[in-house]
Protein backbone atom coordinates (compact mmCIF):
# COMPACT_ATOMS: atom_id res chain seq x y z
CA MET A 1 0.39 0.06 0.26
CA SER A 2 1.05 3.67 -0.73
CA GLY A 3 1.33 7.34 1.14
CA LYS A 4 -1.60 8.73 2.08
CA GLY A 5 -4.67 9.99 0.26
CA ASN A 6 -4.41 6.76 -2.01
CA CYS A 7 -7.84 5.46 -2.95
CA PHE A 8 -6.32 2.35 -3.47
CA ASP A 9 -5.34 1.55 0.58
CA ASN A 10 -8.81 0.70 1.66
CA ALA A 11 -10.42 -0.80 -2.13
CA ALA A 12 -10.12 -4.44 0.21
CA VAL A 13 -11.46 -3.88 2.96
CA GLU A 14 -13.97 -1.79 1.20
CA THR A 15 -15.17 -4.80 -1.18
CA PHE A 16 -15.06 -6.94 2.13
CA PHE A 17 -17.76 -4.91 4.22
CA LYS A 18 -19.61 -4.68 0.62
CA THR A 19 -19.89 -8.16 0.36
CA LEU A 20 -20.75 -8.60 3.63
CA LYS A 21 -23.63 -6.57 3.76
CA ALA A 22 -24.87 -8.15 -0.03
CA GLU A 23 -24.68 -11.81 1.53
CA LEU A 24 -25.88 -11.79 5.54
CA VAL A 25 -27.37 -8.32 6.45
CA TRP A 26 -29.76 -6.95 3.84
CA ARG A 27 -31.03 -10.55 3.67
CA ARG A 28 -32.29 -10.78 6.79
CA SER A 29 -34.19 -8.97 9.47
CA TRP A 30 -32.67 -8.81 12.40
CA GLU A 31 -34.16 -8.62 16.24
CA THR A 32 -31.51 -8.20 18.41
CA ARG A 33 -27.75 -7.31 18.51
CA ARG A 34 -26.42 -10.76 19.66
CA GLN A 35 -28.06 -12.40 16.72
CA VAL A 36 -26.32 -10.25 14.29
CA GLU A 37 -22.96 -10.60 16.97
CA LEU A 38 -23.00 -14.37 15.89
CA ALA A 39 -24.11 -13.64 12.36
CA LEU A 40 -20.74 -12.64 11.59
CA PHE A 41 -19.14 -14.60 13.86
CA GLU A 42 -20.42 -17.71 11.82
CA TYR A 43 -19.72 -15.86 8.49
CA ILE A 44 -16.41 -14.51 8.79
CA ASN A 45 -15.01 -17.83 10.32
């Protein structure tokens, strides 16, 4: 990665969060924060 202000610095992280939201978060409704935490843990692992 290069210096400050390079738009490619966060590209991998932004792609990960976009995929996470598209595949997991936007497809369900959550009743509790704990449900979200467990689902995120399972998705990442």
